[in-house]
PDB file of N, CA and C in Angstrom:
ATOM      1  N   MET A   1      20.632 -66.333  -4.340  1.00  0.00           N
ATOM      2  CA  MET A   1      20.634 -67.841  -3.350  1.00  0.00           C
ATOM      3  C   MET A   1      20.792 -68.905  -4.219  1.00  0.00           C
ATOM      4  N   LYS A   2      21.439 -69.876  -4.739  1.00  0.00           N
ATOM      5  CA  LYS A   2      21.184 -70.514  -5.301  1.00  0.00           C
ATOM      6  C   LYS A   2      20.713 -72.466  -4.675  1.00  0.00           C
ATOM      7  N   PRO A   3      19.753 -72.786  -4.882  1.00  0.00           N
ATOM      8  CA  PRO A   3      19.033 -73.878  -4.060  1.00  0.00           C
ATOM      9  C   PRO A   3      20.242 -75.268  -3.803  1.00  0.00           C
ATOM     10  N   TYR A   4      19.345 -75.678  -2.973  1.00  0.00           N
ATOM     11  CA  TYR A   4      20.336 -76.508  -1.986  1.00  0.00           C
ATOM     12  C   TYR A   4      20.710 -77.965  -2.681  1.00  0.00           C
ATOM     13  N   LYS A   5      21.646 -78.305  -3.718  1.00  0.00           N
ATOM     14  CA  LYS A   5      22.451 -79.225  -4.393  1.00  0.00           C
ATOM     15  C   LYS A   5      22.642 -80.502  -3.293  1.00  0.00           C
ATOM     16  N   TRP A   6      22.096 -81.250  -3.128  1.00  0.00           N
ATOM     17  CA  TRP A   6      22.153 -82.772  -2.482  1.00  0.00           C
ATOM     18  C   TRP A   6      23.238 -83.575  -2.637  1.00  0.00           C
ATOM     19  N   LYS A   7      24.178 -83.751  -2.377  1.00  0.00           N
ATOM     20  CA  LYS A   7      25.877 -84.569  -2.459  1.00  0.00           C
ATOM     21  C   LYS A   7      25.195 -85.860  -2.176  1.00  0.00           C
ATOM     22  N   LYS A   8      26.149 -86.870  -2.731  1.00  0.00           N
ATOM     23  CA  LYS A   8      25.932 -88.282  -1.631  1.00  0.00           C
ATOM     24  C   LYS A   8      26.753 -88.039  -1.096  1.00  0.00           C
ATOM     25  N   GLY A   9      25.614 -88.969   0.376  1.00  0.00           N
ATOM     26  CA  GLY A   9      26.120 -88.889   1.554  1.00  0.00           C
ATOM     27  C   GLY A   9      25.563 -87.969   2.730  1.00  0.00           C
ATOM     28  N   ASP A  10      24.532 -86.572   1.882  1.00  0.00           N
ATOM     29  CA  ASP A  10      23.859 -86.013   2.481  1.00  0.00           C
ATOM     30  C   ASP A  10      22.094 -86.501   3.224  1.00  0.00           C
ATOM     31  N   GLY A  11      22.055 -87.446   2.343  1.00  0.00           N
ATOM     32  CA  GLY A  11      20.997 -88.250   2.668  1.00  0.00           C
ATOM     33  C   GLY A  11      21.046 -89.053   4.179  1.00  0.00           C
ATOM     34  N   ILE A  12      22.085 -89.477   3.937  1.00  0.00           N
ATOM     35  CA  ILE A  12      22.805 -90.354   5.086  1.00  0.00           C
ATOM     36  C   ILE A  12      22.543 -89.986   6.015  1.00  0.00           C
ATOM     37  N   THR A  13      23.017 -88.999   6.487  1.00  0.00           N
ATOM     38  CA  THR A  13      23.737 -87.812   7.491  1.00  0.00           C
ATOM     39  C   THR A  13      22.596 -87.809   7.886  1.00  0.00           C
ATOM     40  N   THR A  14      21.113 -86.675   7.178  1.00  0.00           N
ATOM     41  CA  THR A  14      20.477 -86.593   7.999  1.00  0.00           C
ATOM     42  C   THR A  14      19.362 -87.405   8.143  1.00  0.00           C
ATOM     43  N   VAL A  15      19.225 -88.574   7.556  1.00  0.00           N
ATOM     44  CA  VAL A  15      18.287 -90.342   8.894  1.00  0.00           C
ATOM     45  C   VAL A  15      18.967 -89.819  10.032  1.00  0.00           C
ATOM     46  N   CYS A  16      20.843 -90.139   9.827  1.00  0.00           N
ATOM     47  CA  CYS A  16      21.258 -90.666  11.658  1.00  0.00           C
ATOM     48  C   CYS A  16      21.405 -89.517  12.428  1.00  0.00           C
ATOM     49  N   ILE A  17      21.068 -87.925  12.079  1.00  0.00           N
ATOM     50  CA  ILE A  17      20.659 -87.136  12.882  1.00  0.00           C
ATOM     51  C   ILE A  17      18.998 -86.924  13.127  1.00  0.00           C
ATOM     52  N   ILE A  18      18.248 -87.437  11.924  1.00  0.00           N
ATOM     53  CA  ILE A  18      16.868 -87.359  12.410  1.00  0.00           C
ATOM     54  C   ILE A  18      16.734 -88.633  13.523  1.00  0.00           C
ATOM     55  N   ILE A  19      16.975 -89.749  13.219  1.00  0.00           N
ATOM     56  CA  ILE A  19      16.932 -91.358  14.395  1.00  0.00           C
ATOM     57  C   ILE A  19      17.546 -90.557  15.568  1.00  0.00           C
ATOM     58  N   GLY A  20      18.587 -90.132  15.567  1.00  0.00           N
ATOM     59  CA  GLY A  20      19.619 -89.340  16.571  1.00  0.00           C
ATOM     60  C   GLY A  20      18.603 -88.693  17.276  1.00  0.00           C
ATOM     61  N   ALA A  21      18.065 -87.481  17.159  1.00  0.00           N
ATOM     62  CA  ALA A  21      17.163 -86.814  17.719  1.00  0.00           C
ATOM     63  C   ALA A  21      16.114 -87.567  18.145  1.00  0.00           C
ATOM     64  N   ILE A  22      15.618 -88.487  17.191  1.00  0.00           N
ATOM     65  CA  ILE A  22      14.206 -89.116  18.072  1.00  0.00           C
ATOM     66  C   ILE A  22      14.593 -89.550  19.276  1.00  0.00           C
ATOM     67  N   LEU A  23      15.350 -90.621  19.325  1.00  0.00           N
ATOM     68  CA  LEU A  23      16.031 -91.229  20.591  1.00  0.00           C
ATOM     69  C   LEU A  23      16.431 -91.478  21.355  1.00  0.00           C
ATOM     70  N   GLY A  24      16.750 -89.714  21.315  1.00  0.00           N
ATOM     71  CA  GLY A  24      16.985 -88.896  22.053  1.00  0.00           C
ATOM     72  C   GLY A  24      16.349 -88.093  22.991  1.00  0.00           C
ATOM     73  N   PHE A  25      15.323 -88.091  22.080  1.00  0.00           N
ATOM     74  CA  PHE A  25      13.850 -87.193  22.708  1.00  0.00           C
ATOM     75  C   PHE A  25      13.419 -88.761  23.886  1.00  0.00           C
ATOM     76  N   ILE A  26      13.205 -89.815  23.047  1.00  0.00           N
ATOM     77  CA  ILE A  26      12.621 -91.039  23.680  1.00  0.00           C
ATOM     78  C   ILE A  26      13.433 -90.997  25.118  1.00  0.00           C
ATOM     79  N   GLY A  27      14.440 -91.385  24.764  1.00  0.00           N
ATOM     80  CA  GLY A  27      16.001 -91.599  26.308  1.00  0.00           C
ATOM     81  C   GLY A  27      15.920 -91.026  27.183  1.00  0.00           C
ATOM     82  N   GLY A  28      15.779 -89.592  26.874  1.00  0.00           N
ATOM     83  CA  GLY A  28      15.392 -88.004  27.775  1.00  0.00           C
ATOM     84  C   GLY A  28      14.436 -88.191  28.649  1.00  0.00           C
ATOM     85  N   ILE A  29      12.939 -88.521  27.843  1.00  0.00           N
ATOM     86  CA  ILE A  29      11.780 -89.141  28.668  1.00  0.00           C
ATOM     87  C   ILE A  29      12.083 -90.246  29.645  1.00  0.00           C
ATOM     88  N   PHE A  30      12.714 -91.301  29.306  1.00  0.00           N
ATOM     89  CA  PHE A  30      12.009 -92.266  30.074  1.00  0.00           C
ATOM     90  C   PHE A  30      13.335 -92.739  30.928  1.00  0.00           C
ATOM     91  N   TYR A  31      14.701 -92.207  30.047  1.00  0.00           N
ATOM     92  CA  TYR A  31      15.894 -92.176  30.831  1.00  0.00           C
ATOM     93  C   TYR A  31      16.946 -91.621  31.109  1.00  0.00           C
ATOM     94  N   PRO A  32      16.465 -90.352  31.928  1.00  0.00           N
ATOM     95  CA  PRO A  32      17.773 -89.053  31.936  1.00  0.00           C
ATOM     96  C   PRO A  32      18.946 -89.456  32.206  1.00  0.00           C
ATOM     97  N   SER A  33      19.331 -90.474  33.414  1.00  0.00           N
ATOM     98  CA  SER A  33      20.523 -91.048  33.803  1.00  0.00           C
ATOM     99  C   SER A  33      21.173 -91.629  32.905  1.00  0.00           C
ATOM    100  N   LEU A  34      20.934 -92.818  32.386  1.00  0.00           N
ATOM    101  CA  LEU A  34      20.875 -93.558  31.011  1.00  0.00           C
ATOM    102  C   LEU A  34      21.873 -92.512  29.791  1.00  0.00           C
ATOM    103  N   LEU A  35      20.829 -91.336  29.638  1.00  0.00           N
ATOM    104  CA  LEU A  35      20.903 -90.174  28.657  1.00  0.00           C
ATOM    105  C   LEU A  35      22.542 -89.932  28.875  1.00  0.00           C
ATOM    106  N   ASP A  36      22.568 -89.730  29.798  1.00  0.00           N
ATOM    107  CA  ASP A  36      23.704 -88.501  30.352  1.00  0.00           C
ATOM    108  C   ASP A  36      24.742 -89.541  30.281  1.00  0.00           C
ATOM    109  N   GLU A  37      24.842 -90.902  30.484  1.00  0.00           N
ATOM    110  CA  GLU A  37      25.862 -92.127  30.160  1.00  0.00           C
ATOM    111  C   GLU A  37      26.733 -92.251  28.920  1.00  0.00           C
ATOM    112  N   ILE A  38      25.542 -92.367  28.138  1.00  0.00           N
ATOM    113  CA  ILE A  38      25.312 -92.137  26.874  1.00  0.00           C
ATOM    114  C   ILE A  38      26.054 -91.659  26.508  1.00  0.00           C
ATOM    115  N   LEU A  39      25.868 -89.745  26.813  1.00  0.00           N
ATOM    116  CA  LEU A  39      26.201 -88.575  25.570  1.00  0.00           C
ATOM    117  C   LEU A  39      27.620 -88.436  26.170  1.00  0.00           C
ATOM    118  N   HIS A  40      28.337 -88.827  27.763  1.00  0.00           N
ATOM    119  CA  HIS A  40      29.548 -88.670  27.617  1.00  0.00           C
ATOM    120  C   HIS A  40      30.749 -89.522  26.719  1.00  0.00           C
ATOM    121  N   LYS A  41      29.231 -90.431  26.621  1.00  0.00           N
ATOM    122  CA  LYS A  41      30.395 -92.253  26.265  1.00  0.00           C
ATOM    123  C   LYS A  41      30.578 -91.701  24.804  1.00  0.00           C
ATOM    124  N   PHE A  42      29.579 -90.789  24.305  1.00  0.00           N
ATOM    125  CA  PHE A  42      29.469 -90.346  22.688  1.00  0.00           C
ATOM    126  C   PHE A  42      30.253 -89.689  22.221  1.00  0.00           C
ATOM    127  N   ILE A  43      30.109 -88.860  23.121  1.00  0.00           N
ATOM    128  CA  ILE A  43      31.565 -87.610  23.129  1.00  0.00           C
ATOM    129  C   ILE A  43      32.466 -88.082  22.892  1.00  0.00           C
ATOM    130  N   GLU A  44      33.033 -88.405  24.348  1.00  0.00           N
ATOM    131  CA  GLU A  44      34.416 -89.024  24.068  1.00  0.00           C
ATOM    132  C   GLU A  44      34.879 -89.720  22.651  1.00  0.00           C
ATOM    133  N   PHE A  45      34.300 -90.778  22.731  1.00  0.00           N
ATOM    134  CA  PHE A  45      33.893 -91.484  20.829  1.00  0.00           C
ATOM    135  C   PHE A  45      34.165 -90.582  20.272  1.00  0.00           C
ATOM    136  N   THR A  46      33.443 -89.595  20.075  1.00  0.00           N
ATOM    137  CA  THR A  46      33.173 -88.390  18.921  1.00  0.00           C
ATOM    138  C   THR A  46      34.516 -87.732  18.734  1.00  0.00           C
ATOM    139  N   ILE A  47      35.609 -87.308  20.216  1.00  0.00           N
ATOM    140  CA  ILE A  47      36.336 -86.396  20.038  1.00  0.00           C
ATOM    141  C   ILE A  47      37.800 -87.309  19.478  1.00  0.00           C
ATOM    142  N   VAL A  48      37.489 -88.824  19.851  1.00  0.00           N
ATOM    143  CA  VAL A  48      38.602 -90.220  19.641  1.00  0.00           C
ATOM    144  C   VAL A  48      38.479 -89.760  17.749  1.00  0.00           C
ATOM    145  N   ILE A  49      37.443 -90.131  17.801  1.00  0.00           N
ATOM    146  CA  ILE A  49      37.253 -89.910  16.281  1.00  0.00           C
ATOM    147  C   ILE A  49      38.217 -88.943  15.033  1.00  0.00           C
ATOM    148  N   VAL A  50      37.004 -87.654  15.367  1.00  0.00           N
ATOM    149  CA  VAL A  50      37.647 -86.781  15.053  1.00  0.00           C
ATOM    150  C   VAL A  50      39.062 -86.437  15.120  1.00  0.00           C
ATOM    151  N   VAL A  51      39.716 -86.631  16.367  1.00  0.00           N
ATOM    152  CA  VAL A  51      41.338 -86.507  16.385  1.00  0.00           C
ATOM    153  C   VAL A  51      42.201 -87.480  15.479  1.00  0.00           C
ATOM    154  N   ILE A  52      41.852 -88.764  15.384  1.00  0.00           N
ATOM    155  CA  ILE A  52      42.245 -89.347  14.144  1.00  0.00           C
ATOM    156  C   ILE A  52      41.894 -89.168  12.748  1.00  0.00           C
ATOM    157  N   LEU A  53      40.666 -88.894  12.748  1.00  0.00           N
ATOM    158  CA  LEU A  53      40.093 -88.626  11.271  1.00  0.00           C
ATOM    159  C   LEU A  53      40.230 -87.779  10.640  1.00  0.00           C
ATOM    160  N   SER A  54      40.433 -86.444  11.421  1.00  0.00           N
ATOM    161  CA  SER A  54      40.642 -85.288  10.195  1.00  0.00           C
ATOM    162  C   SER A  54      42.299 -85.161  10.170  1.00  0.00           C
ATOM    163  N   PRO A  55      43.420 -85.590  10.469  1.00  0.00           N
ATOM    164  CA  PRO A  55      44.482 -85.548   9.326  1.00  0.00           C
ATOM    165  C   PRO A  55      44.164 -86.545   9.102  1.00  0.00           C
ATOM    166  N   ILE A  56      43.929 -87.964   8.677  1.00  0.00           N
ATOM    167  CA  ILE A  56      43.780 -88.442   7.694  1.00  0.00           C
ATOM    168  C   ILE A  56      42.976 -88.039   6.496  1.00  0.00           C
ATOM    169  N   ILE A  57      41.635 -87.748   6.843  1.00  0.00           N
ATOM    170  CA  ILE A  57      40.993 -86.701   5.743  1.00  0.00           C
ATOM    171  C   ILE A  57      41.431 -86.069   4.744  1.00  0.00           C
ATOM    172  N   VAL A  58      42.311 -85.334   5.628  1.00  0.00           N
ATOM    173  CA  VAL A  58      43.307 -83.729   4.946  1.00  0.00           C
ATOM    174  C   VAL A  58      43.759 -84.767   4.549  1.00  0.00           C
ATOM    175  N   ILE A  59      44.963 -85.490   5.400  1.00  0.00           N
ATOM    176  CA  ILE A  59      45.985 -86.155   4.200  1.00  0.00           C
ATOM    177  C   ILE A  59      45.320 -87.033   2.648  1.00  0.00           C
ATOM    178  N   ILE A  60      44.155 -87.327   2.732  1.00  0.00           N
ATOM    179  CA  ILE A  60      43.329 -88.036   1.286  1.00  0.00           C
ATOM    180  C   ILE A  60      43.353 -86.879   0.924  1.00  0.00           C
ATOM    181  N   ARG A  61      42.762 -85.706   0.712  1.00  0.00           N
ATOM    182  CA  ARG A  61      42.470 -84.723  -0.015  1.00  0.00           C
ATOM    183  C   ARG A  61      43.490 -83.772  -0.650  1.00  0.00           C
ATOM    184  N   ILE A  62      44.691 -83.710   0.185  1.00  0.00           N
ATOM    185  CA  ILE A  62      45.988 -83.081  -0.431  1.00  0.00           C
ATOM    186  C   ILE A  62      46.740 -84.373  -1.613  1.00  0.00           C
ATOM    187  N   ALA A  63      46.226 -85.658  -1.330  1.00  0.00           N
ATOM    188  CA  ALA A  63      47.185 -86.467  -1.932  1.00  0.00           C
ATOM    189  C   ALA A  63      46.512 -86.512  -3.217  1.00  0.00           C
ATOM    190  N   ARG A  64      44.695 -86.785  -2.819  1.00  0.00           N
ATOM    191  CA  ARG A  64      44.370 -86.395  -4.386  1.00  0.00           C
ATOM    192  C   ARG A  64      44.759 -85.323  -4.949  1.00  0.00           C
ATOM    193  N   LYS A  65      44.700 -84.461  -4.714  1.00  0.00           N
ATOM    194  CA  LYS A  65      45.152 -82.957  -5.740  1.00  0.00           C
ATOM    195  C   LYS A  65      46.516 -82.970  -6.677  1.00  0.00           C
ATOM    196  N   PHE A  66      47.463 -84.231  -6.036  1.00  0.00           N
ATOM    197  CA  PHE A  66      47.831 -84.013  -6.974  1.00  0.00           C
ATOM    198  C   PHE A  66      48.463 -85.796  -7.707  1.00  0.00           C
TER     199      PHE A  66
END
């Protein structure tokens, strides 16, 4: 097992996940119904981003190889 090497951008992702987890935890305690609404919007938003960005990222990666 090689130790995990941190890449640029990993720190930002980790921080975002931690902040999201804390906010989600606080929100879940105080506003359960609000959390549901945000979650639905976030899931829809994420799906849209993934659908739009995935092909673009793939194209960029292929373009870089040539």
